[in-house]
Amino acid sequence: MKIKTLLAASALALTLPMAAQAQGTLRGAERGAQDGADAAGPVGAIVGGAVGAATGTIGGILGVEDRPRFRSYVRERNVRSYDYDGRVAVGTVLPNSGVTYYDVPGDYSVARGTRYTVVNDRPVLVDGRHRIIEVIE
């Protein structure tokens, strides 16, 4: 019984980071595995990694730790906000013209092609098609 549980947890722990695209997943898995190993040895590391990966994914593209620092980074640059009449939410596609898009600095672990802008005074991350992939609250 213990071997089946261990194998199932191992499979889950190994597939979650590979399947997820959110950058917070990997950091969450690392932290969860370390905390689990400290508390309960190898089995704790496997379970902690899976739980940490799920928690990290909830944090979004930047991850929970990077969000306040990124928000400050954007504020310090006095990026002009684009006034948008629509809803500012994940999935919204912003116009190609009238909005200025900026490169995300390399010290933030985001996918290649991810850029940022400010819409209605809220920093957002966008993909190459100008689709909002994260609203930084």
Protein backbone atom coordinates (compact mmCIF):
# COMPACT_ATOMS: atom_id res chain seq x y z
CA MET A 1 0.00 0.00 0.00
CA LYS A 2 2.78 2.42 0.89
CA ILE A 3 4.59 1.69 -2.38
CA LYS A 4 1.47 2.48 -4.45
CA THR A 5 1.02 5.77 -2.59
CA LEU A 6 4.69 6.63 -3.05
CA LEU A 7 4.56 5.85 -6.79
CA ALA A 8 1.38 7.88 -7.28
CA ALA A 9 2.81 10.85 -5.38
CA SER A 10 6.06 10.58 -7.36
CA ALA A 11 4.23 10.59 -10.67
CA LEU A 12 2.18 13.60 -9.63
CA ALA A 13 5.22 15.48 -8.37
CA LEU A 14 7.11 14.85 -11.60
CA THR A 15 4.29 15.72 -13.99
CA LEU A 16 2.97 18.89 -12.39
CA PRO A 17 6.06 21.05 -13.00
CA MET A 18 6.41 19.78 -16.56
CA ALA A 19 2.76 20.27 -17.44
CA ALA A 20 2.29 23.69 -15.90
CA GLN A 21 3.30 26.84 -17.72
CA ALA A 22 3.02 29.21 -14.78
CA GLN A 23 6.45 30.16 -13.48
CA GLY A 24 5.31 30.07 -9.87
CA THR A 25 4.80 26.31 -10.13
CA LEU A 26 8.49 25.47 -10.18
CA ARG A 27 9.38 27.73 -7.27
CA GLY A 28 6.43 26.39 -5.30
CA ALA A 29 7.46 22.80 -6.00
CA GLU A 30 11.03 23.48 -4.91
CA ARG A 31 9.97 25.13 -1.68
CA GLY A 32 7.31 22.49 -0.95
CA ALA A 33 9.75 19.63 -1.57
CA GLN A 34 12.35 21.16 0.72
CA ASP A 35 9.84 21.83 3.51
CA GLY A 36 8.36 18.34 3.13
CA ALA A 37 11.81 16.72 3.22
CA ASP A 38 12.71 18.64 6.36
CA ALA A 39 9.50 17.54 8.06
CA ALA A 40 9.05 13.95 6.86
CA GLY A 41 12.00 12.78 4.76
CA PRO A 42 11.74 11.52 1.15
CA VAL A 43 7.98 10.85 1.20
CA GLY A 44 7.40 14.31 2.64
CA ALA A 45 9.50 15.80 -0.17
CA ILE A 46 7.35 14.13 -2.81
CA VAL A 47 4.06 15.19 -1.28
CA GLY A 48 5.39 18.66 -0.40
CA GLY A 49 6.61 19.16 -3.97
CA ALA A 50 3.19 18.38 -5.42
CA VAL A 51 1.37 20.62 -2.95
CA GLY A 52 3.93 23.40 -3.40
CA ALA A 53 3.57 23.21 -7.18
CA ALA A 54 -0.19 23.63 -6.96
CA THR A 55 0.19 26.54 -4.54
CA GLY A 56 2.83 28.22 -6.69
CA THR A 57 0.60 27.99 -9.75
CA ILE A 58 -2.13 29.87 -7.91
CA GLY A 59 0.41 32.68 -7.45
CA GLY A 60 0.35 33.37 -11.19
CA ILE A 61 3.01 33.88 -13.85
CA LEU A 62 5.37 35.85 -11.62
CA GLY A 63 4.80 33.84 -8.48
CA VAL A 64 3.74 35.17 -5.13
CA GLU A 65 7.19 36.46 -4.12
CA ASP A 66 7.84 38.50 -7.28
CA ARG A 67 4.52 40.32 -7.55
CA PRO A 68 5.16 43.14 -5.02
CA ARG A 69 8.68 43.67 -6.34
CA PHE A 70 7.44 43.81 -9.95
CA ARG A 71 4.63 46.21 -9.01
CA SER A 72 7.25 48.51 -7.42
CA TYR A 73 9.47 48.17 -10.50
CA VAL A 74 6.63 49.34 -12.76
CA ARG A 75 5.69 52.20 -10.41
CA GLU A 76 9.29 53.46 -10.26
CA ARG A 77 9.34 53.75 -14.06
CA ASN A 78 6.24 55.99 -14.10
CA VAL A 79 4.76 53.98 -16.95
CA ARG A 80 1.82 55.83 -18.42
CA SER A 81 -1.48 54.04 -17.99
CA TYR A 82 -3.60 53.20 -21.01
CA ASP A 83 -7.29 54.05 -20.56
CA TYR A 84 -9.26 51.01 -21.61
CA ASP A 85 -13.07 50.87 -21.80
CA GLY A 86 -13.26 47.08 -21.58
CA ARG A 87 -12.66 44.68 -18.74
CA VAL A 88 -9.07 44.35 -17.52
CA ALA A 89 -8.83 40.60 -16.95
CA VAL A 90 -6.85 37.55 -18.00
CA GLY A 91 -7.79 36.71 -21.58
CA THR A 92 -8.59 40.26 -22.68
CA VAL A 93 -6.77 41.18 -25.90
CA LEU A 94 -5.46 44.74 -25.90
CA PRO A 95 -5.16 46.83 -29.07
CA ASN A 96 -2.01 46.78 -31.20
CA SER A 97 -1.83 50.57 -31.34
CA GLY A 98 -2.18 53.18 -28.63
CA VAL A 99 -0.71 50.91 -25.94
CA THR A 100 3.00 50.89 -25.15
CA TYR A 101 4.39 47.45 -24.29
CA TYR A 102 7.63 47.02 -22.37
CA ASP A 103 10.07 44.13 -21.96
CA VAL A 104 10.05 42.38 -18.59
CA PRO A 105 13.54 42.53 -17.01
CA GLY A 106 15.53 39.30 -17.03
CA ASP A 107 15.55 38.96 -13.24
CA TYR A 108 11.85 37.99 -13.41
CA SER A 109 11.30 34.44 -14.61
CA VAL A 110 8.67 34.83 -17.30
CA ALA A 111 8.25 33.09 -20.64
CA ARG A 112 10.02 34.53 -23.67
CA GLY A 113 7.86 37.12 -25.41
CA THR A 114 6.04 38.19 -22.23
CA ARG A 115 5.80 41.97 -21.95
CA TYR A 116 4.06 44.35 -19.59
CA THR A 117 2.02 47.52 -19.73
CA VAL A 118 -0.28 49.46 -17.43
CA VAL A 119 -4.00 49.48 -18.14
CA ASN A 120 -6.43 51.58 -16.07
CA ASP A 121 -3.62 52.07 -13.51
CA ARG A 122 -3.08 48.30 -13.15
CA PRO A 123 0.13 46.59 -14.31
CA VAL A 124 -0.54 43.62 -16.57
CA LEU A 125 1.57 40.97 -18.29
CA VAL A 126 0.72 40.22 -21.91
CA ASP A 127 1.75 37.55 -24.40
CA GLY A 128 2.95 38.13 -27.97
CA ARG A 129 -0.62 38.68 -29.19
CA HIS A 130 -1.24 41.38 -26.55
CA ARG A 131 -3.54 39.08 -24.60
CA ILE A 132 -3.48 39.72 -20.84
CA ILE A 133 -1.99 36.70 -19.11
CA GLU A 134 -1.76 38.19 -15.62
CA VAL A 135 -3.13 41.24 -13.82
CA ILE A 136 -0.74 42.32 -11.08
CA GLU A 137 -2.86 43.24 -8.07
